[in-house]
Amino acid sequence: ISLEANGLRFRALVAGSSEPVLCLHGFPDHYESFRYQLPVLAERGYRAVAPMMRGYEPSSQPGRDVAAHHPMRLAHDAIAWARSLGNGRPIHLVGHDWGAVAGALACLLEPSLFRSYTSVAIANFQAVEDGIRNHPVQLRNSWYMLFFQLRGLSDWVVARNDFAFIEKLWRDWSPGWVWEPEAMASLKQTFGQPGVRWSALAYYRAMLNPFLEDSQRVRALSRAETRVPTMTVTGALDGCMDTRLFDYLDPALYPKGLRQERIEGAGHFAHQEKPEEFNRLLLDWLEARL
């Protein structure tokens, strides 16, 4: 199907009917990230919807404007989709990586739109700030965020040798994961579309620009209460977001409830690496919110 938000058009994968579950992908990834979740959710009677995020196809690119790729703008996309899909009722939200950042912000901005929130691989702003002081290795893990500030050079490196950089990140972030070759080929096809690589890297350039108004808004919300029931899922082997950061989540910031899960033997892409275990957790969580 095609979704609209804020003057942009987004393709989305859809499975099932009835209660919506909106699934937001991260980087380097695309909507097929949830290929193992959509059919399972559909079998349980949900309507699972996984859109391409802003900039990941020509129809959703807001031009060469870094500020228009800020995670706060992604959150407003998610809010618009939630309103459209929910038809006046709150929906379930699942986010991975950048999709998790967007989801967290959407829940802070418009909690009444969401029945539940599942954050995959990304701890909230408070936990990252508090956890890094005790686990500074996270700064090393995040080297790529600084590298992406080198405009031109980083764009070239990401694309060279048939996007070998993407494969490197998947290997580093999910040690030992053997993904399907067709999944990687499809992802590279997405990144090969005009403007997608630029837009994907613009997320990092916008988020790390402290002078943008949206960055200042994110900072102001970093320790605000999330008034949506929240489950976090982390892979114990995550080489991108150190799983120990999740130990610093403050339950007091989740007055509607916080559930924390850690999947052993999985890395940053836990929902793809261990889909059966992840799906059990997700279905149990969603059905407890009915």
C-alpha atoms as a PDB file:
ATOM      1  CA  ILE A   1       0.000   0.000   0.000  1.00  0.00           C
ATOM      2  CA  SER A   2       0.950   3.652  -0.042  1.00  0.00           C
ATOM      3  CA  LEU A   3       0.913   5.872   3.059  1.00  0.00           C
ATOM      4  CA  GLU A   4       1.092   9.641   3.204  1.00  0.00           C
ATOM      5  CA  ALA A   5       2.544  11.923   5.857  1.00  0.00           C
ATOM      6  CA  ASN A   6       3.599  15.545   5.850  1.00  0.00           C
ATOM      7  CA  GLY A   7       3.365  15.923   2.090  1.00  0.00           C
ATOM      8  CA  LEU A   8       5.405  12.788   1.320  1.00  0.00           C
ATOM      9  CA  ARG A   9       4.403   9.355   0.016  1.00  0.00           C
ATOM     10  CA  PHE A  10       5.689   6.087   1.465  1.00  0.00           C
ATOM     11  CA  ARG A  11       5.377   2.509   0.258  1.00  0.00           C
ATOM     12  CA  ALA A  12       4.499   0.001   2.974  1.00  0.00           C
ATOM     13  CA  LEU A  13       4.311  -3.755   3.345  1.00  0.00           C
ATOM     14  CA  VAL A  14       1.006  -4.881   4.881  1.00  0.00           C
ATOM     15  CA  ALA A  15      -0.223  -8.213   6.203  1.00  0.00           C
ATOM     16  CA  GLY A  16      -3.456  -9.079   7.956  1.00  0.00           C
ATOM     17  CA  SER A  17      -6.406  -7.056   9.164  1.00  0.00           C
ATOM     18  CA  SER A  18      -7.972  -5.671  12.331  1.00  0.00           C
ATOM     19  CA  GLU A  19      -5.808  -4.016  15.012  1.00  0.00           C
ATOM     20  CA  PRO A  20      -2.842  -2.127  13.478  1.00  0.00           C
ATOM     21  CA  VAL A  21       0.780  -2.759  14.441  1.00  0.00           C
ATOM     22  CA  LEU A  22       3.066  -0.129  12.888  1.00  0.00           C
ATOM     23  CA  CYS A  23       6.662  -1.348  12.384  1.00  0.00           C
ATOM     24  CA  LEU A  24       9.472   1.171  11.754  1.00  0.00           C
ATOM     25  CA  HIS A  25      12.860   0.082  10.388  1.00  0.00           C
ATOM     26  CA  GLY A  26      16.317   1.503  11.015  1.00  0.00           C
ATOM     27  CA  PHE A  27      19.743   1.734   9.335  1.00  0.00           C
ATOM     28  CA  PRO A  28      21.157   0.169   7.284  1.00  0.00           C
ATOM     29  CA  ASP A  29      17.850  -1.515   6.616  1.00  0.00           C
ATOM     30  CA  HIS A  30      14.452  -1.105   4.966  1.00  0.00           C
ATOM     31  CA  TYR A  31      10.873  -2.267   5.379  1.00  0.00           C
ATOM     32  CA  GLU A  32      11.758  -5.912   4.712  1.00  0.00           C
ATOM     33  CA  SER A  33      13.398  -5.822   8.148  1.00  0.00           C
ATOM     34  CA  PHE A  34      10.062  -7.098   9.489  1.00  0.00           C
ATOM     35  CA  ARG A  35       9.603  -9.924   6.967  1.00  0.00           C
ATOM     36  CA  TYR A  36       9.551 -12.461   9.820  1.00  0.00           C
ATOM     37  CA  GLN A  37       7.064 -10.481  11.917  1.00  0.00           C
ATOM     38  CA  LEU A  38       4.400  -9.421   9.403  1.00  0.00           C
ATOM     39  CA  PRO A  39       2.993 -12.880   8.564  1.00  0.00           C
ATOM     40  CA  VAL A  40       3.044 -13.992  12.208  1.00  0.00           C
ATOM     41  CA  LEU A  41       1.222 -10.865  13.324  1.00  0.00           C
ATOM     42  CA  ALA A  42      -1.314 -11.348  10.519  1.00  0.00           C
ATOM     43  CA  GLU A  43      -1.970 -14.921  11.651  1.00  0.00           C
ATOM     44  CA  ARG A  44      -2.879 -13.584  15.111  1.00  0.00           C
ATOM     45  CA  GLY A  45      -5.384 -11.159  13.649  1.00  0.00           C
ATOM     46  CA  TYR A  46      -3.326  -7.989  13.588  1.00  0.00           C
ATOM     47  CA  ARG A  47      -2.837  -5.674  10.642  1.00  0.00           C
ATOM     48  CA  ALA A  48       0.944  -5.327  10.453  1.00  0.00           C
ATOM     49  CA  VAL A  49       2.200  -2.313   8.496  1.00  0.00           C
ATOM     50  CA  ALA A  50       5.887  -1.707   7.742  1.00  0.00           C
ATOM     51  CA  PRO A  51       6.548   1.489   5.758  1.00  0.00           C
ATOM     52  CA  MET A  52       9.755   2.678   4.186  1.00  0.00           C
ATOM     53  CA  MET A  53      11.107   5.438   6.395  1.00  0.00           C
ATOM     54  CA  ARG A  54      11.543   9.016   5.188  1.00  0.00           C
ATOM     55  CA  GLY A  55      14.052   9.284   2.340  1.00  0.00           C
ATOM     56  CA  TYR A  56      14.336   5.556   1.632  1.00  0.00           C
ATOM     57  CA  GLU A  57      12.633   5.948  -1.757  1.00  0.00           C
ATOM     58  CA  PRO A  58      12.383   8.926  -4.110  1.00  0.00           C
ATOM     59  CA  SER A  59       8.714   9.599  -3.268  1.00  0.00           C
ATOM     60  CA  SER A  60       9.506  10.243   0.403  1.00  0.00           C
ATOM     61  CA  GLN A  61      12.601  12.391  -0.006  1.00  0.00           C
ATOM     62  CA  PRO A  62      12.161  15.977   1.258  1.00  0.00           C
ATOM     63  CA  GLY A  63      14.962  17.288  -0.959  1.00  0.00           C
ATOM     64  CA  ARG A  64      18.586  17.840  -0.005  1.00  0.00           C
ATOM     65  CA  ASP A  65      17.655  19.376   3.332  1.00  0.00           C
ATOM     66  CA  VAL A  66      19.478  17.782   6.265  1.00  0.00           C
ATOM     67  CA  ALA A  67      17.107  19.328   8.825  1.00  0.00           C
ATOM     68  CA  ALA A  68      14.143  17.665   7.091  1.00  0.00           C
ATOM     69  CA  HIS A  69      15.685  14.263   7.922  1.00  0.00           C
ATOM     70  CA  HIS A  70      15.864  14.863  11.668  1.00  0.00           C
ATOM     71  CA  PRO A  71      14.468  12.031  13.824  1.00  0.00           C
ATOM     72  CA  MET A  72      11.862  14.481  15.100  1.00  0.00           C
ATOM     73  CA  ARG A  73      10.498  14.637  11.538  1.00  0.00           C
ATOM     74  CA  LEU A  74      10.446  10.830  11.484  1.00  0.00           C
ATOM     75  CA  ALA A  75       8.424  10.936  14.681  1.00  0.00           C
ATOM     76  CA  HIS A  76       5.895  13.239  13.046  1.00  0.00           C
ATOM     77  CA  ASP A  77       5.643  10.777  10.153  1.00  0.00           C
ATOM     78  CA  ALA A  78       4.887   8.008  12.647  1.00  0.00           C
ATOM     79  CA  ILE A  79       2.275  10.208  14.336  1.00  0.00           C
ATOM     80  CA  ALA A  80       0.561  10.870  11.004  1.00  0.00           C
ATOM     81  CA  TRP A  81       0.553   7.151  10.160  1.00  0.00           C
ATOM     82  CA  ALA A  82      -0.843   6.282  13.591  1.00  0.00           C
ATOM     83  CA  ARG A  83      -3.710   8.723  13.144  1.00  0.00           C
ATOM     84  CA  SER A  84      -4.480   7.341   9.691  1.00  0.00           C
ATOM     85  CA  LEU A  85      -4.212   3.658  10.595  1.00  0.00           C
ATOM     86  CA  GLY A  86      -5.967   3.930  13.943  1.00  0.00           C
ATOM     87  CA  ASN A  87      -9.066   5.802  12.782  1.00  0.00           C
ATOM     88  CA  GLY A  88      -9.430   7.382  16.202  1.00  0.00           C
ATOM     89  CA  ARG A  89      -8.138   4.421  18.218  1.00  0.00           C
ATOM     90  CA  PRO A  90      -4.601   3.921  19.583  1.00  0.00           C
ATOM     91  CA  ILE A  91      -2.339   1.489  17.728  1.00  0.00           C
ATOM     92  CA  HIS A  92       0.640  -0.691  18.605  1.00  0.00           C
ATOM     93  CA  LEU A  93       4.070   0.616  17.618  1.00  0.00           C
ATOM     94  CA  VAL A  94       7.320  -1.309  17.035  1.00  0.00           C
ATOM     95  CA  GLY A  95      10.606   0.400  16.174  1.00  0.00           C
ATOM     96  CA  HIS A  96      14.115  -0.828  15.439  1.00  0.00           C
ATOM     97  CA  ASP A  97      17.247   1.367  15.419  1.00  0.00           C
ATOM     98  CA  TRP A  98      16.254   4.753  13.918  1.00  0.00           C
ATOM     99  CA  GLY A  99      12.696   3.486  13.868  1.00  0.00           C
ATOM    100  CA  ALA A 100      13.010   3.013  17.631  1.00  0.00           C
ATOM    101  CA  VAL A 101      14.271   6.582  18.063  1.00  0.00           C
ATOM    102  CA  ALA A 102      11.352   7.875  15.998  1.00  0.00           C
ATOM    103  CA  GLY A 103       8.952   5.676  17.933  1.00  0.00           C
ATOM    104  CA  ALA A 104      10.208   6.872  21.300  1.00  0.00           C
ATOM    105  CA  LEU A 105       9.787  10.487  20.261  1.00  0.00           C
ATOM    106  CA  ALA A 106       6.325   9.837  18.838  1.00  0.00           C
ATOM    107  CA  CYS A 107       5.242   8.303  22.154  1.00  0.00           C
ATOM    108  CA  LEU A 108       6.567  11.315  24.039  1.00  0.00           C
ATOM    109  CA  LEU A 109       4.802  13.762  21.734  1.00  0.00           C
ATOM    110  CA  GLU A 110       1.432  12.003  21.255  1.00  0.00           C
ATOM    111  CA  PRO A 111       1.020   9.171  23.785  1.00  0.00           C
ATOM    112  CA  SER A 112      -2.738   8.924  23.254  1.00  0.00           C
ATOM    113  CA  LEU A 113      -2.131   7.540  19.746  1.00  0.00           C
ATOM    114  CA  PHE A 114      -0.324   4.409  20.957  1.00  0.00           C
ATOM    115  CA  ARG A 115      -1.602   1.371  22.832  1.00  0.00           C
ATOM    116  CA  SER A 116       1.895  -0.029  23.288  1.00  0.00           C
ATOM    117  CA  TYR A 117       5.461   0.570  22.192  1.00  0.00           C
ATOM    118  CA  THR A 118       8.214  -1.977  21.521  1.00  0.00           C
ATOM    119  CA  SER A 119      11.746  -0.595  21.176  1.00  0.00           C
ATOM    120  CA  VAL A 120      14.247  -2.949  19.551  1.00  0.00           C
ATOM    121  CA  ALA A 121      18.020  -2.466  19.996  1.00  0.00           C
ATOM    122  CA  ILE A 122      17.890   1.169  21.118  1.00  0.00           C
ATOM    123  CA  ALA A 123      17.887   2.296  24.744  1.00  0.00           C
ATOM    124  CA  ASN A 124      16.258   5.602  25.549  1.00  0.00           C
ATOM    125  CA  PHE A 125      18.185   8.869  25.753  1.00  0.00           C
ATOM    126  CA  GLN A 126      18.400   8.773  29.563  1.00  0.00           C
ATOM    127  CA  ALA A 127      19.842   5.236  29.660  1.00  0.00           C
ATOM    128  CA  VAL A 128      22.424   6.036  26.980  1.00  0.00           C
ATOM    129  CA  GLU A 129      23.561   9.161  28.811  1.00  0.00           C
ATOM    130  CA  ASP A 130      23.806   7.386  32.166  1.00  0.00           C
ATOM    131  CA  GLY A 131      25.215   4.136  30.796  1.00  0.00           C
ATOM    132  CA  ILE A 132      28.045   5.615  28.726  1.00  0.00           C
ATOM    133  CA  ARG A 133      29.686   6.941  31.876  1.00  0.00           C
ATOM    134  CA  ASN A 134      30.159   3.360  33.069  1.00  0.00           C
ATOM    135  CA  HIS A 135      30.594   1.744  29.654  1.00  0.00           C
ATOM    136  CA  PRO A 136      32.585   4.193  27.505  1.00  0.00           C
ATOM    137  CA  VAL A 137      33.089   1.401  24.943  1.00  0.00           C
ATOM    138  CA  GLN A 138      29.795   2.647  23.494  1.00  0.00           C
ATOM    139  CA  LEU A 139      31.627   5.718  22.230  1.00  0.00           C
ATOM    140  CA  ARG A 140      33.875   3.430  20.203  1.00  0.00           C
ATOM    141  CA  ASN A 141      30.850   1.472  18.964  1.00  0.00           C
ATOM    142  CA  SER A 142      29.363   4.726  17.675  1.00  0.00           C
ATOM    143  CA  TRP A 143      32.381   5.659  15.518  1.00  0.00           C
ATOM    144  CA  TYR A 144      30.281   5.448  12.342  1.00  0.00           C
ATOM    145  CA  MET A 145      28.057   8.329  13.502  1.00  0.00           C
ATOM    146  CA  LEU A 146      31.040  10.666  13.475  1.00  0.00           C
ATOM    147  CA  PHE A 147      32.333   9.182  10.221  1.00  0.00           C
ATOM    148  CA  PHE A 148      29.020  10.028   8.544  1.00  0.00           C
ATOM    149  CA  GLN A 149      29.657  13.705   9.288  1.00  0.00           C
ATOM    150  CA  LEU A 150      32.376  13.609   6.608  1.00  0.00           C
ATOM    151  CA  ARG A 151      30.126  14.493   3.723  1.00  0.00           C
ATOM    152  CA  GLY A 152      31.208  13.212   0.364  1.00  0.00           C
ATOM    153  CA  LEU A 153      33.836  10.825   1.738  1.00  0.00           C
ATOM    154  CA  SER A 154      31.438   8.771   3.844  1.00  0.00           C
ATOM    155  CA  ASP A 155      28.851   8.735   1.038  1.00  0.00           C
ATOM    156  CA  TRP A 156      31.497   7.304  -1.291  1.00  0.00           C
ATOM    157  CA  VAL A 157      32.719   4.722   1.225  1.00  0.00           C
ATOM    158  CA  VAL A 158      29.204   3.447   1.929  1.00  0.00           C
ATOM    159  CA  ALA A 159      28.551   2.829  -1.782  1.00  0.00           C
ATOM    160  CA  ARG A 160      31.930   1.477  -2.920  1.00  0.00           C
ATOM    161  CA  ASN A 161      32.412  -2.209  -3.753  1.00  0.00           C
ATOM    162  CA  ASP A 162      28.669  -2.829  -4.049  1.00  0.00           C
ATOM    163  CA  PHE A 163      27.840  -1.410  -0.604  1.00  0.00           C
ATOM    164  CA  ALA A 164      30.350  -3.619   1.209  1.00  0.00           C
ATOM    165  CA  PHE A 165      30.157  -1.109   4.075  1.00  0.00           C
ATOM    166  CA  ILE A 166      26.597  -2.217   4.806  1.00  0.00           C
ATOM    167  CA  GLU A 167      27.722  -5.820   5.072  1.00  0.00           C
ATOM    168  CA  LYS A 168      30.517  -4.752   7.427  1.00  0.00           C
ATOM    169  CA  LEU A 169      28.052  -3.019   9.744  1.00  0.00           C
ATOM    170  CA  TRP A 170      25.743  -6.042   9.782  1.00  0.00           C
ATOM    171  CA  ARG A 171      28.713  -8.313  10.638  1.00  0.00           C
ATOM    172  CA  ASP A 172      30.052  -5.984  13.331  1.00  0.00           C
ATOM    173  CA  TRP A 173      26.668  -5.301  14.885  1.00  0.00           C
ATOM    174  CA  SER A 174      25.378  -8.889  14.787  1.00  0.00           C
ATOM    175  CA  PRO A 175      28.404 -11.185  15.250  1.00  0.00           C
ATOM    176  CA  GLY A 176      27.917 -14.648  13.804  1.00  0.00           C
ATOM    177  CA  TRP A 177      24.659 -13.878  12.017  1.00  0.00           C
ATOM    178  CA  VAL A 178      24.382 -15.568   8.624  1.00  0.00           C
ATOM    179  CA  TRP A 179      21.735 -13.642   6.729  1.00  0.00           C
ATOM    180  CA  GLU A 180      20.017 -14.745   3.533  1.00  0.00           C
ATOM    181  CA  PRO A 181      21.856 -13.480   0.425  1.00  0.00           C
ATOM    182  CA  GLU A 182      18.558 -12.360  -1.098  1.00  0.00           C
ATOM    183  CA  ALA A 183      17.848 -10.155   1.932  1.00  0.00           C
ATOM    184  CA  MET A 184      21.141  -8.322   1.480  1.00  0.00           C
ATOM    185  CA  ALA A 185      20.624  -8.053  -2.282  1.00  0.00           C
ATOM    186  CA  SER A 186      17.213  -6.461  -1.725  1.00  0.00           C
ATOM    187  CA  LEU A 187      18.644  -4.017   0.810  1.00  0.00           C
ATOM    188  CA  LYS A 188      21.404  -2.972  -1.581  1.00  0.00           C
ATOM    189  CA  GLN A 189      18.783  -2.411  -4.262  1.00  0.00           C
ATOM    190  CA  THR A 190      17.018   0.007  -1.905  1.00  0.00           C
ATOM    191  CA  PHE A 191      20.249   1.888  -1.178  1.00  0.00           C
ATOM    192  CA  GLY A 192      21.018   2.029  -4.880  1.00  0.00           C
ATOM    193  CA  GLN A 193      17.943   4.123  -5.612  1.00  0.00           C
ATOM    194  CA  PRO A 194      18.517   7.833  -6.324  1.00  0.00           C
ATOM    195  CA  GLY A 195      18.946   9.883  -3.177  1.00  0.00           C
ATOM    196  CA  VAL A 196      18.489   7.057  -0.652  1.00  0.00           C
ATOM    197  CA  ARG A 197      22.095   6.903   0.526  1.00  0.00           C
ATOM    198  CA  TRP A 198      22.175  10.686   1.001  1.00  0.00           C
ATOM    199  CA  SER A 199      18.915  10.681   2.955  1.00  0.00           C
ATOM    200  CA  ALA A 200      19.944   7.754   5.154  1.00  0.00           C
ATOM    201  CA  LEU A 201      23.173   9.477   6.179  1.00  0.00           C
ATOM    202  CA  ALA A 202      21.340  12.775   6.664  1.00  0.00           C
ATOM    203  CA  TYR A 203      19.609  11.253   9.719  1.00  0.00           C
ATOM    204  CA  TYR A 204      22.980  11.240  11.497  1.00  0.00           C
ATOM    205  CA  ARG A 205      23.962  14.668  10.238  1.00  0.00           C
ATOM    206  CA  ALA A 206      20.720  16.174  11.512  1.00  0.00           C
ATOM    207  CA  MET A 207      20.709  14.419  14.888  1.00  0.00           C
ATOM    208  CA  LEU A 208      24.294  15.450  15.668  1.00  0.00           C
ATOM    209  CA  ASN A 209      23.708  19.094  14.745  1.00  0.00           C
ATOM    210  CA  PRO A 210      23.046  20.751  18.136  1.00  0.00           C
ATOM    211  CA  PHE A 211      21.974  24.023  16.528  1.00  0.00           C
ATOM    212  CA  LEU A 212      18.871  22.595  14.866  1.00  0.00           C
ATOM    213  CA  GLU A 213      15.643  23.397  16.685  1.00  0.00           C
ATOM    214  CA  ASP A 214      14.617  19.741  16.515  1.00  0.00           C
ATOM    215  CA  SER A 215      17.865  18.681  18.211  1.00  0.00           C
ATOM    216  CA  GLN A 216      17.148  21.099  21.031  1.00  0.00           C
ATOM    217  CA  ARG A 217      13.630  19.681  21.362  1.00  0.00           C
ATOM    218  CA  VAL A 218      15.031  16.155  21.591  1.00  0.00           C
ATOM    219  CA  ARG A 219      17.410  17.281  24.301  1.00  0.00           C
ATOM    220  CA  ALA A 220      14.531  18.827  26.247  1.00  0.00           C
ATOM    221  CA  LEU A 221      12.615  15.528  26.056  1.00  0.00           C
ATOM    222  CA  SER A 222      15.559  13.276  26.982  1.00  0.00           C
ATOM    223  CA  ARG A 223      14.309  12.625  30.523  1.00  0.00           C
ATOM    224  CA  ALA A 224      10.590  13.111  30.024  1.00  0.00           C
ATOM    225  CA  GLU A 225       8.064  10.450  31.026  1.00  0.00           C
ATOM    226  CA  THR A 226       6.876   8.000  28.370  1.00  0.00           C
ATOM    227  CA  ARG A 227       3.166   7.569  29.016  1.00  0.00           C
ATOM    228  CA  VAL A 228       2.828   4.498  26.781  1.00  0.00           C
ATOM    229  CA  PRO A 229       3.341   0.902  27.998  1.00  0.00           C
ATOM    230  CA  THR A 230       6.836   0.073  26.742  1.00  0.00           C
ATOM    231  CA  MET A 231       8.842  -3.098  26.105  1.00  0.00           C
ATOM    232  CA  THR A 232      12.532  -2.967  25.220  1.00  0.00           C
ATOM    233  CA  VAL A 233      14.279  -5.838  23.428  1.00  0.00           C
ATOM    234  CA  THR A 234      18.064  -5.981  23.191  1.00  0.00           C
ATOM    235  CA  GLY A 235      20.386  -8.576  21.691  1.00  0.00           C
ATOM    236  CA  ALA A 236      23.050  -9.669  24.173  1.00  0.00           C
ATOM    237  CA  LEU A 237      25.752  -9.528  21.465  1.00  0.00           C
ATOM    238  CA  ASP A 238      24.803  -6.131  19.998  1.00  0.00           C
ATOM    239  CA  GLY A 239      27.913  -4.472  18.597  1.00  0.00           C
ATOM    240  CA  CYS A 240      26.129  -1.194  17.861  1.00  0.00           C
ATOM    241  CA  MET A 241      24.193  -0.378  21.041  1.00  0.00           C
ATOM    242  CA  ASP A 242      25.883  -2.061  24.016  1.00  0.00           C
ATOM    243  CA  THR A 243      23.266  -4.276  25.662  1.00  0.00           C
ATOM    244  CA  ARG A 244      24.458  -3.148  29.121  1.00  0.00           C
ATOM    245  CA  LEU A 245      23.061   0.335  28.480  1.00  0.00           C
ATOM    246  CA  PHE A 246      19.575  -1.092  28.908  1.00  0.00           C
ATOM    247  CA  ASP A 247      20.414  -1.827  32.555  1.00  0.00           C
ATOM    248  CA  TYR A 248      20.318   1.940  33.159  1.00  0.00           C
ATOM    249  CA  LEU A 249      16.729   2.435  32.049  1.00  0.00           C
ATOM    250  CA  ASP A 250      14.825   4.290  34.776  1.00  0.00           C
ATOM    251  CA  PRO A 251      11.432   2.609  35.330  1.00  0.00           C
ATOM    252  CA  ALA A 252      10.179   5.819  36.932  1.00  0.00           C
ATOM    253  CA  LEU A 253      10.121   7.365  33.445  1.00  0.00           C
ATOM    254  CA  TYR A 254       7.556   4.724  32.364  1.00  0.00           C
ATOM    255  CA  PRO A 255       4.497   5.227  34.589  1.00  0.00           C
ATOM    256  CA  LYS A 256       2.377   3.033  32.273  1.00  0.00           C
ATOM    257  CA  GLY A 257       4.788   0.112  32.620  1.00  0.00           C
ATOM    258  CA  LEU A 258       8.207  -1.026  31.398  1.00  0.00           C
ATOM    259  CA  ARG A 259       9.164  -4.567  30.394  1.00  0.00           C
ATOM    260  CA  GLN A 260      12.773  -5.362  29.505  1.00  0.00           C
ATOM    261  CA  GLU A 261      13.905  -8.392  27.491  1.00  0.00           C
ATOM    262  CA  ARG A 262      17.367  -9.556  26.417  1.00  0.00           C
ATOM    263  CA  ILE A 263      17.781 -12.169  23.671  1.00  0.00           C
ATOM    264  CA  GLU A 264      20.887 -14.292  24.132  1.00  0.00           C
ATOM    265  CA  GLY A 265      22.913 -15.126  21.049  1.00  0.00           C
ATOM    266  CA  ALA A 266      21.505 -12.198  19.083  1.00  0.00           C
ATOM    267  CA  GLY A 267      22.993  -8.864  18.097  1.00  0.00           C
ATOM    268  CA  HIS A 268      21.617  -5.584  16.793  1.00  0.00           C
ATOM    269  CA  PHE A 269      19.104  -7.191  14.414  1.00  0.00           C
ATOM    270  CA  ALA A 270      17.588  -9.532  17.022  1.00  0.00           C
ATOM    271  CA  HIS A 271      14.156  -9.587  15.358  1.00  0.00           C
ATOM    272  CA  GLN A 272      15.770 -10.979  12.200  1.00  0.00           C
ATOM    273  CA  GLU A 273      18.426 -13.153  13.849  1.00  0.00           C
ATOM    274  CA  LYS A 274      16.138 -14.889  16.350  1.00  0.00           C
ATOM    275  CA  PRO A 275      12.687 -14.326  14.855  1.00  0.00           C
ATOM    276  CA  GLU A 276      10.907 -17.152  16.689  1.00  0.00           C
ATOM    277  CA  GLU A 277      12.069 -15.954  20.097  1.00  0.00           C
ATOM    278  CA  PHE A 278      11.415 -12.317  19.239  1.00  0.00           C
ATOM    279  CA  ASN A 279       7.954 -13.071  17.879  1.00  0.00           C
ATOM    280  CA  ARG A 280       7.001 -14.955  21.042  1.00  0.00           C
ATOM    281  CA  LEU A 281       7.976 -11.949  23.133  1.00  0.00           C
ATOM    282  CA  LEU A 282       6.172  -9.528  20.835  1.00  0.00           C
ATOM    283  CA  LEU A 283       2.918 -11.491  20.642  1.00  0.00           C
ATOM    284  CA  ASP A 284       2.866 -12.023  24.398  1.00  0.00           C
ATOM    285  CA  TRP A 285       3.406  -8.304  24.916  1.00  0.00           C
ATOM    286  CA  LEU A 286       0.744  -7.211  22.436  1.00  0.00           C
ATOM    287  CA  GLU A 287      -1.867  -9.646  23.675  1.00  0.00           C
ATOM    288  CA  ALA A 288      -1.329  -8.521  27.264  1.00  0.00           C
ATOM    289  CA  ARG A 289      -2.264  -4.995  26.133  1.00  0.00           C
ATOM    290  CA  LEU A 290      -5.688  -5.991  24.742  1.00  0.00           C
END
